Amino acid sequence: MKPASGTVISLAYILGLLSTGILNLPTGEIPWQEYRALVTGLVVTGIVAAIAFPRFWRTGPKPRLWVAAGLISALAVVYFQLRVPQPELNDISEYVPSSNTIAPEQVFKVEGKVESMPRLTRNQRTQLWLQTTQLTEIESREDGGAISQGVTGKLYVTVPLLQGTGIYPGQIISVTGVLYKPKPVTNPGAFDFGAYLARQGAFAGLSGRQINFDEETIGKPWGWWRLRQRIIRSQVR
């Protein structure tokens, strides 16, 4: 492959990845029609380039290379989408109430296993990651009764500072609070909370109000987190 050919193919691949921003990937919920339109548009662009460019750039790449470039850019979009984490059918994010409803905030109790050491947020709240197992609706919005069922997925949880005291990885807890999904970014360059969650394999958050501990896991077992705490305390001293 000539250097010019390699450059065209590389730029086509980069163009395909950059074009995913049009669809607000990886956090946007994209209709398949728009997704197909983008892939088709990139292929058509390659065909148009194969017809137009040789007329003005006779010493440039051959038409088949431009067609290949269009295919490469389209494949880049498909590859990127396949690499983006997707929620499972029973992911807890599927049970977040719609933001279009005028009903008051729905309170849930989420049970799961703590996956990280708690940390302090800018709002002086405790934040942790929770691998969810059970979702219970505290107050039913429908006549059919409150729901209680098994769920999966990782959850971004924040709770009041005092509620987060004594939490450690591996502990089984239940958190009562309000489920939510990140809002789309409206200002260019602003922090994309939804993209941050997606990189962590999570698609929803929980603004917690109260934590209940599983009595069987109250006794703190040995773990690397305890060694880490001792090292931090020794450094502070």
C-alpha atoms as a PDB file:
ATOM      1  CA  MET A   1       0.000   0.000   0.000  1.00  0.00           C
ATOM      2  CA  LYS A   2       1.321   3.401  -1.004  1.00  0.00           C
ATOM      3  CA  PRO A   3       1.751   6.076   1.683  1.00  0.00           C
ATOM      4  CA  ALA A   4      -1.021   8.172   0.103  1.00  0.00           C
ATOM      5  CA  SER A   5      -3.386   5.203   0.147  1.00  0.00           C
ATOM      6  CA  GLY A   6      -2.640   4.504   3.793  1.00  0.00           C
ATOM      7  CA  THR A   7      -3.282   8.141   4.644  1.00  0.00           C
ATOM      8  CA  VAL A   8      -6.664   8.138   2.899  1.00  0.00           C
ATOM      9  CA  ILE A   9      -7.761   4.932   4.656  1.00  0.00           C
ATOM     10  CA  SER A  10      -6.599   6.220   8.044  1.00  0.00           C
ATOM     11  CA  LEU A  11      -8.391   9.539   7.595  1.00  0.00           C
ATOM     12  CA  ALA A  12     -11.543   7.707   6.496  1.00  0.00           C
ATOM     13  CA  TYR A  13     -11.487   5.615   9.666  1.00  0.00           C
ATOM     14  CA  ILE A  14     -11.005   8.722  11.821  1.00  0.00           C
ATOM     15  CA  LEU A  15     -13.812  10.500   9.949  1.00  0.00           C
ATOM     16  CA  GLY A  16     -16.124   7.574  10.652  1.00  0.00           C
ATOM     17  CA  LEU A  17     -15.368   7.699  14.370  1.00  0.00           C
ATOM     18  CA  LEU A  18     -15.846  11.472  14.507  1.00  0.00           C
ATOM     19  CA  SER A  19     -19.159  11.222  12.670  1.00  0.00           C
ATOM     20  CA  THR A  20     -20.614   9.275  15.606  1.00  0.00           C
ATOM     21  CA  GLY A  21     -20.869  12.634  17.368  1.00  0.00           C
ATOM     22  CA  ILE A  22     -23.709  13.491  14.983  1.00  0.00           C
ATOM     23  CA  LEU A  23     -25.802  10.761  16.593  1.00  0.00           C
ATOM     24  CA  ASN A  24     -24.729  11.696  20.125  1.00  0.00           C
ATOM     25  CA  LEU A  25     -23.032   8.343  20.618  1.00  0.00           C
ATOM     26  CA  PRO A  26     -22.246   6.705  22.983  1.00  0.00           C
ATOM     27  CA  THR A  27     -24.982   8.057  25.268  1.00  0.00           C
ATOM     28  CA  GLY A  28     -27.791   8.855  22.876  1.00  0.00           C
ATOM     29  CA  GLU A  29     -30.724   6.516  22.231  1.00  0.00           C
ATOM     30  CA  ILE A  30     -30.518   6.437  18.441  1.00  0.00           C
ATOM     31  CA  PRO A  31     -33.396   5.325  16.186  1.00  0.00           C
ATOM     32  CA  TRP A  32     -32.198   2.698  13.731  1.00  0.00           C
ATOM     33  CA  GLN A  33     -33.302   4.930  10.819  1.00  0.00           C
ATOM     34  CA  GLU A  34     -30.793   7.639  11.781  1.00  0.00           C
ATOM     35  CA  TYR A  35     -28.080   5.078  12.398  1.00  0.00           C
ATOM     36  CA  ARG A  36     -28.660   3.501   8.989  1.00  0.00           C
ATOM     37  CA  ALA A  37     -28.747   6.937   7.332  1.00  0.00           C
ATOM     38  CA  LEU A  38     -25.297   7.804   8.715  1.00  0.00           C
ATOM     39  CA  VAL A  39     -23.736   4.516   7.576  1.00  0.00           C
ATOM     40  CA  THR A  40     -25.348   4.821   4.142  1.00  0.00           C
ATOM     41  CA  GLY A  41     -24.266   8.451   3.855  1.00  0.00           C
ATOM     42  CA  LEU A  42     -20.626   7.563   4.460  1.00  0.00           C
ATOM     43  CA  VAL A  43     -20.726   4.841   1.806  1.00  0.00           C
ATOM     44  CA  VAL A  44     -22.373   7.218  -0.690  1.00  0.00           C
ATOM     45  CA  THR A  45     -19.755   9.864   0.110  1.00  0.00           C
ATOM     46  CA  GLY A  46     -17.034   7.380  -0.832  1.00  0.00           C
ATOM     47  CA  ILE A  47     -18.763   6.613  -4.141  1.00  0.00           C
ATOM     48  CA  VAL A  48     -19.199  10.314  -4.943  1.00  0.00           C
ATOM     49  CA  ALA A  49     -15.531  10.929  -4.134  1.00  0.00           C
ATOM     50  CA  ALA A  50     -14.567   8.055  -6.452  1.00  0.00           C
ATOM     51  CA  ILE A  51     -16.430   9.750  -9.299  1.00  0.00           C
ATOM     52  CA  ALA A  52     -15.538  13.390  -8.644  1.00  0.00           C
ATOM     53  CA  PHE A  53     -11.968  13.443  -7.314  1.00  0.00           C
ATOM     54  CA  PRO A  54     -10.216  11.691 -10.256  1.00  0.00           C
ATOM     55  CA  ARG A  55     -11.527  14.402 -12.584  1.00  0.00           C
ATOM     56  CA  PHE A  56      -9.726  17.134 -10.672  1.00  0.00           C
ATOM     57  CA  TRP A  57      -6.898  15.138  -9.112  1.00  0.00           C
ATOM     58  CA  ARG A  58      -5.597  12.910 -11.896  1.00  0.00           C
ATOM     59  CA  THR A  59      -2.454  11.892  -9.987  1.00  0.00           C
ATOM     60  CA  GLY A  60      -4.371  11.139  -6.820  1.00  0.00           C
ATOM     61  CA  PRO A  61      -5.768   7.862  -5.475  1.00  0.00           C
ATOM     62  CA  LYS A  62      -7.730   5.631  -7.824  1.00  0.00           C
ATOM     63  CA  PRO A  63     -11.547   5.467  -7.660  1.00  0.00           C
ATOM     64  CA  ARG A  64     -11.605   2.089  -5.922  1.00  0.00           C
ATOM     65  CA  LEU A  65      -9.587   3.555  -3.057  1.00  0.00           C
ATOM     66  CA  TRP A  66     -12.212   6.255  -2.480  1.00  0.00           C
ATOM     67  CA  VAL A  67     -14.919   3.588  -2.456  1.00  0.00           C
ATOM     68  CA  ALA A  68     -12.874   1.581   0.044  1.00  0.00           C
ATOM     69  CA  ALA A  69     -12.466   4.717   2.161  1.00  0.00           C
ATOM     70  CA  GLY A  70     -16.240   5.151   2.304  1.00  0.00           C
ATOM     71  CA  LEU A  71     -16.688   1.545   3.370  1.00  0.00           C
ATOM     72  CA  ILE A  72     -13.970   1.882   6.021  1.00  0.00           C
ATOM     73  CA  SER A  73     -15.611   4.985   7.514  1.00  0.00           C
ATOM     74  CA  ALA A  74     -18.978   3.191   7.618  1.00  0.00           C
ATOM     75  CA  LEU A  75     -17.402   0.150   9.278  1.00  0.00           C
ATOM     76  CA  ALA A  76     -15.787   2.474  11.834  1.00  0.00           C
ATOM     77  CA  VAL A  77     -19.252   3.651  12.899  1.00  0.00           C
ATOM     78  CA  VAL A  78     -20.491   0.061  13.213  1.00  0.00           C
ATOM     79  CA  TYR A  79     -17.374  -0.990  15.137  1.00  0.00           C
ATOM     80  CA  PHE A  80     -17.681   1.965  17.514  1.00  0.00           C
ATOM     81  CA  GLN A  81     -21.311   1.147  18.253  1.00  0.00           C
ATOM     82  CA  LEU A  82     -20.448  -2.498  18.949  1.00  0.00           C
ATOM     83  CA  ARG A  83     -17.747  -1.415  21.397  1.00  0.00           C
ATOM     84  CA  VAL A  84     -20.042   0.912  23.330  1.00  0.00           C
ATOM     85  CA  PRO A  85     -21.448  -0.725  26.499  1.00  0.00           C
ATOM     86  CA  GLN A  86     -25.156  -1.403  26.164  1.00  0.00           C
ATOM     87  CA  PRO A  87     -27.641  -1.986  29.004  1.00  0.00           C
ATOM     88  CA  GLU A  88     -29.029  -5.490  29.358  1.00  0.00           C
ATOM     89  CA  LEU A  89     -32.731  -6.167  29.014  1.00  0.00           C
ATOM     90  CA  ASN A  90     -33.114  -6.292  32.791  1.00  0.00           C
ATOM     91  CA  ASP A  91     -30.767  -3.385  33.508  1.00  0.00           C
ATOM     92  CA  ILE A  92     -31.939  -1.097  36.287  1.00  0.00           C
ATOM     93  CA  SER A  93     -31.850   1.884  33.919  1.00  0.00           C
ATOM     94  CA  GLU A  94     -34.877   0.397  32.129  1.00  0.00           C
ATOM     95  CA  TYR A  95     -36.983   1.076  35.236  1.00  0.00           C
ATOM     96  CA  VAL A  96     -36.201   4.774  35.580  1.00  0.00           C
ATOM     97  CA  PRO A  97     -39.522   6.682  35.430  1.00  0.00           C
ATOM     98  CA  SER A  98     -40.017   8.818  32.348  1.00  0.00           C
ATOM     99  CA  SER A  99     -39.050  12.452  32.802  1.00  0.00           C
ATOM    100  CA  ASN A 100     -42.115  13.465  30.767  1.00  0.00           C
ATOM    101  CA  THR A 101     -44.535  12.469  33.517  1.00  0.00           C
ATOM    102  CA  ILE A 102     -45.926  15.142  35.823  1.00  0.00           C
ATOM    103  CA  ALA A 103     -46.282  12.673  38.715  1.00  0.00           C
ATOM    104  CA  PRO A 104     -44.242  13.279  41.884  1.00  0.00           C
ATOM    105  CA  GLU A 105     -40.839  11.652  42.275  1.00  0.00           C
ATOM    106  CA  GLN A 106     -41.094   7.882  42.570  1.00  0.00           C
ATOM    107  CA  VAL A 107     -39.098   6.398  45.447  1.00  0.00           C
ATOM    108  CA  PHE A 108     -37.398   3.016  45.068  1.00  0.00           C
ATOM    109  CA  LYS A 109     -35.374   0.715  47.266  1.00  0.00           C
ATOM    110  CA  VAL A 110     -32.400  -0.776  45.434  1.00  0.00           C
ATOM    111  CA  GLU A 111     -30.444  -3.703  46.822  1.00  0.00           C
ATOM    112  CA  GLY A 112     -26.986  -4.689  45.687  1.00  0.00           C
ATOM    113  CA  LYS A 113     -23.304  -5.184  46.368  1.00  0.00           C
ATOM    114  CA  VAL A 114     -20.927  -2.268  46.952  1.00  0.00           C
ATOM    115  CA  GLU A 115     -18.174  -2.267  44.314  1.00  0.00           C
ATOM    116  CA  SER A 116     -16.023   0.670  45.390  1.00  0.00           C
ATOM    117  CA  MET A 117     -14.798   2.607  48.376  1.00  0.00           C
ATOM    118  CA  PRO A 118     -17.057   5.614  49.067  1.00  0.00           C
ATOM    119  CA  ARG A 119     -15.748   9.011  48.048  1.00  0.00           C
ATOM    120  CA  LEU A 120     -16.819  12.586  48.714  1.00  0.00           C
ATOM    121  CA  THR A 121     -18.454  14.586  45.921  1.00  0.00           C
ATOM    122  CA  ARG A 122     -18.347  18.338  45.373  1.00  0.00           C
ATOM    123  CA  ASN A 123     -21.827  18.571  46.877  1.00  0.00           C
ATOM    124  CA  GLN A 124     -20.553  17.002  50.105  1.00  0.00           C
ATOM    125  CA  ARG A 125     -22.357  13.733  49.485  1.00  0.00           C
ATOM    126  CA  THR A 126     -20.990  10.209  49.603  1.00  0.00           C
ATOM    127  CA  GLN A 127     -20.696   8.481  46.219  1.00  0.00           C
ATOM    128  CA  LEU A 128     -20.272   4.766  45.529  1.00  0.00           C
ATOM    129  CA  TRP A 129     -20.842   2.193  42.797  1.00  0.00           C
ATOM    130  CA  LEU A 130     -23.486  -0.460  43.419  1.00  0.00           C
ATOM    131  CA  GLN A 131     -23.959  -3.720  41.506  1.00  0.00           C
ATOM    132  CA  THR A 132     -27.723  -4.052  41.698  1.00  0.00           C
ATOM    133  CA  THR A 133     -29.704  -7.241  42.340  1.00  0.00           C
ATOM    134  CA  GLN A 134     -33.203  -6.204  43.475  1.00  0.00           C
ATOM    135  CA  LEU A 135     -35.530  -3.268  42.844  1.00  0.00           C
ATOM    136  CA  THR A 136     -38.571  -2.500  45.012  1.00  0.00           C
ATOM    137  CA  GLU A 137     -41.079   0.274  44.421  1.00  0.00           C
ATOM    138  CA  ILE A 138     -41.843   1.951  47.747  1.00  0.00           C
ATOM    139  CA  GLU A 139     -45.105   3.555  46.636  1.00  0.00           C
ATOM    140  CA  SER A 140     -47.103   2.246  43.704  1.00  0.00           C
ATOM    141  CA  ARG A 141     -48.096   4.686  40.965  1.00  0.00           C
ATOM    142  CA  GLU A 142     -50.601   2.252  39.514  1.00  0.00           C
ATOM    143  CA  ASP A 143     -53.504   0.189  40.771  1.00  0.00           C
ATOM    144  CA  GLY A 144     -51.583  -2.992  39.985  1.00  0.00           C
ATOM    145  CA  GLY A 145     -49.478  -2.634  43.114  1.00  0.00           C
ATOM    146  CA  ALA A 146     -45.843  -1.936  43.804  1.00  0.00           C
ATOM    147  CA  ILE A 147     -43.205  -3.790  41.819  1.00  0.00           C
ATOM    148  CA  SER A 148     -40.433  -5.880  43.327  1.00  0.00           C
ATOM    149  CA  GLN A 149     -38.167  -7.815  41.010  1.00  0.00           C
ATOM    150  CA  GLY A 150     -34.613  -8.813  40.282  1.00  0.00           C
ATOM    151  CA  VAL A 151     -32.484  -6.426  38.255  1.00  0.00           C
ATOM    152  CA  THR A 152     -28.937  -6.203  36.955  1.00  0.00           C
ATOM    153  CA  GLY A 153     -26.526  -3.426  36.123  1.00  0.00           C
ATOM    154  CA  LYS A 154     -24.182  -0.982  37.743  1.00  0.00           C
ATOM    155  CA  LEU A 155     -25.589   2.076  39.512  1.00  0.00           C
ATOM    156  CA  TYR A 156     -24.065   5.441  40.403  1.00  0.00           C
ATOM    157  CA  VAL A 157     -25.258   6.123  43.951  1.00  0.00           C
ATOM    158  CA  THR A 158     -24.995   9.255  46.077  1.00  0.00           C
ATOM    159  CA  VAL A 159     -26.228   9.486  49.667  1.00  0.00           C
ATOM    160  CA  PRO A 160     -26.024  12.058  52.488  1.00  0.00           C
ATOM    161  CA  LEU A 161     -22.582  12.243  54.057  1.00  0.00           C
ATOM    162  CA  LEU A 162     -23.513  10.608  57.360  1.00  0.00           C
ATOM    163  CA  GLN A 163     -25.399   7.807  55.610  1.00  0.00           C
ATOM    164  CA  GLY A 164     -22.217   6.757  53.822  1.00  0.00           C
ATOM    165  CA  THR A 165     -20.194   6.120  56.972  1.00  0.00           C
ATOM    166  CA  GLY A 166     -18.773   2.619  57.381  1.00  0.00           C
ATOM    167  CA  ILE A 167     -19.455   1.370  53.849  1.00  0.00           C
ATOM    168  CA  TYR A 168     -16.844  -0.902  52.265  1.00  0.00           C
ATOM    169  CA  PRO A 169     -16.505  -2.949  49.027  1.00  0.00           C
ATOM    170  CA  GLY A 170     -18.289  -6.287  49.023  1.00  0.00           C
ATOM    171  CA  GLN A 171     -20.942  -5.177  51.489  1.00  0.00           C
ATOM    172  CA  ILE A 172     -24.608  -5.923  50.739  1.00  0.00           C
ATOM    173  CA  ILE A 173     -26.782  -2.846  51.232  1.00  0.00           C
ATOM    174  CA  SER A 174     -30.154  -1.437  50.210  1.00  0.00           C
ATOM    175  CA  VAL A 175     -30.511   2.221  49.284  1.00  0.00           C
ATOM    176  CA  THR A 176     -33.793   4.134  49.256  1.00  0.00           C
ATOM    177  CA  GLY A 177     -33.997   7.055  46.877  1.00  0.00           C
ATOM    178  CA  VAL A 178     -34.936   8.401  43.449  1.00  0.00           C
ATOM    179  CA  LEU A 179     -33.690   6.842  40.216  1.00  0.00           C
ATOM    180  CA  TYR A 180     -32.683   9.100  37.341  1.00  0.00           C
ATOM    181  CA  LYS A 181     -30.959   9.125  33.972  1.00  0.00           C
ATOM    182  CA  PRO A 182     -28.308  11.728  33.043  1.00  0.00           C
ATOM    183  CA  LYS A 183     -29.630  14.712  31.120  1.00  0.00           C
ATOM    184  CA  PRO A 184     -28.210  15.374  27.632  1.00  0.00           C
ATOM    185  CA  VAL A 185     -25.476  17.985  27.397  1.00  0.00           C
ATOM    186  CA  THR A 186     -26.776  21.280  25.992  1.00  0.00           C
ATOM    187  CA  ASN A 187     -23.621  23.406  26.160  1.00  0.00           C
ATOM    188  CA  PRO A 188     -20.636  22.479  23.948  1.00  0.00           C
ATOM    189  CA  GLY A 189     -17.616  21.512  26.012  1.00  0.00           C
ATOM    190  CA  ALA A 190     -19.639  20.894  29.177  1.00  0.00           C
ATOM    191  CA  PHE A 191     -19.061  17.781  31.275  1.00  0.00           C
ATOM    192  CA  ASP A 192     -21.011  14.866  29.791  1.00  0.00           C
ATOM    193  CA  PHE A 193     -22.198  12.925  32.820  1.00  0.00           C
ATOM    194  CA  GLY A 194     -23.971  10.356  30.664  1.00  0.00           C
ATOM    195  CA  ALA A 195     -20.784   9.575  28.736  1.00  0.00           C
ATOM    196  CA  TYR A 196     -18.897   9.239  32.025  1.00  0.00           C
ATOM    197  CA  LEU A 197     -21.412   6.700  33.302  1.00  0.00           C
ATOM    198  CA  ALA A 198     -21.320   4.780  30.014  1.00  0.00           C
ATOM    199  CA  ARG A 199     -17.533   4.455  30.245  1.00  0.00           C
ATOM    200  CA  GLN A 200     -18.019   2.914  33.681  1.00  0.00           C
ATOM    201  CA  GLY A 201     -20.666   0.516  32.369  1.00  0.00           C
ATOM    202  CA  ALA A 202     -23.564   2.315  34.085  1.00  0.00           C
ATOM    203  CA  PHE A 203     -26.623   3.994  32.591  1.00  0.00           C
ATOM    204  CA  ALA A 204     -28.501   5.441  35.572  1.00  0.00           C
ATOM    205  CA  GLY A 205     -27.996   7.019  38.959  1.00  0.00           C
ATOM    206  CA  LEU A 206     -29.712   6.961  42.335  1.00  0.00           C
ATOM    207  CA  SER A 207     -30.081   9.995  44.564  1.00  0.00           C
ATOM    208  CA  GLY A 208     -30.184   8.084  47.825  1.00  0.00           C
ATOM    209  CA  ARG A 209     -31.833   9.193  51.038  1.00  0.00           C
ATOM    210  CA  GLN A 210     -31.255   6.259  53.365  1.00  0.00           C
ATOM    211  CA  ILE A 211     -29.051   3.159  53.518  1.00  0.00           C
ATOM    212  CA  ASN A 212     -29.927  -0.114  55.224  1.00  0.00           C
ATOM    213  CA  PHE A 213     -27.231  -2.705  55.865  1.00  0.00           C
ATOM    214  CA  ASP A 214     -27.465  -6.469  55.527  1.00  0.00           C
ATOM    215  CA  GLU A 215     -26.913  -7.899  59.007  1.00  0.00           C
ATOM    216  CA  GLU A 216     -24.891 -10.802  57.607  1.00  0.00           C
ATOM    217  CA  THR A 217     -22.269  -8.423  56.185  1.00  0.00           C
ATOM    218  CA  ILE A 218     -22.003  -5.962  59.064  1.00  0.00           C
ATOM    219  CA  GLY A 219     -18.820  -7.632  60.307  1.00  0.00           C
ATOM    220  CA  LYS A 220     -16.079  -6.232  58.087  1.00  0.00           C
ATOM    221  CA  PRO A 221     -14.081  -9.035  56.422  1.00  0.00           C
ATOM    222  CA  TRP A 222     -10.438  -8.612  55.509  1.00  0.00           C
ATOM    223  CA  GLY A 223      -9.769  -7.114  52.108  1.00  0.00           C
ATOM    224  CA  TRP A 224      -7.360  -4.952  50.137  1.00  0.00           C
ATOM    225  CA  TRP A 225      -9.542  -1.966  50.969  1.00  0.00           C
ATOM    226  CA  ARG A 226      -8.532  -2.288  54.658  1.00  0.00           C
ATOM    227  CA  LEU A 227      -4.848  -2.377  53.743  1.00  0.00           C
ATOM    228  CA  ARG A 228      -5.400   0.704  51.607  1.00  0.00           C
ATOM    229  CA  GLN A 229      -7.071   2.500  54.518  1.00  0.00           C
ATOM    230  CA  ARG A 230      -4.141   1.698  56.807  1.00  0.00           C
ATOM    231  CA  ILE A 231      -1.648   3.034  54.258  1.00  0.00           C
ATOM    232  CA  ILE A 232      -3.644   6.255  53.862  1.00  0.00           C
ATOM    233  CA  ARG A 233      -3.892   6.729  57.629  1.00  0.00           C
ATOM    234  CA  SER A 234      -0.157   6.167  58.061  1.00  0.00           C
ATOM    235  CA  GLN A 235       0.580   8.757  55.362  1.00  0.00           C
ATOM    236  CA  VAL A 236      -1.758  11.270  57.010  1.00  0.00           C
ATOM    237  CA  ARG A 237       0.037  10.861  60.333  1.00  0.00           C
END
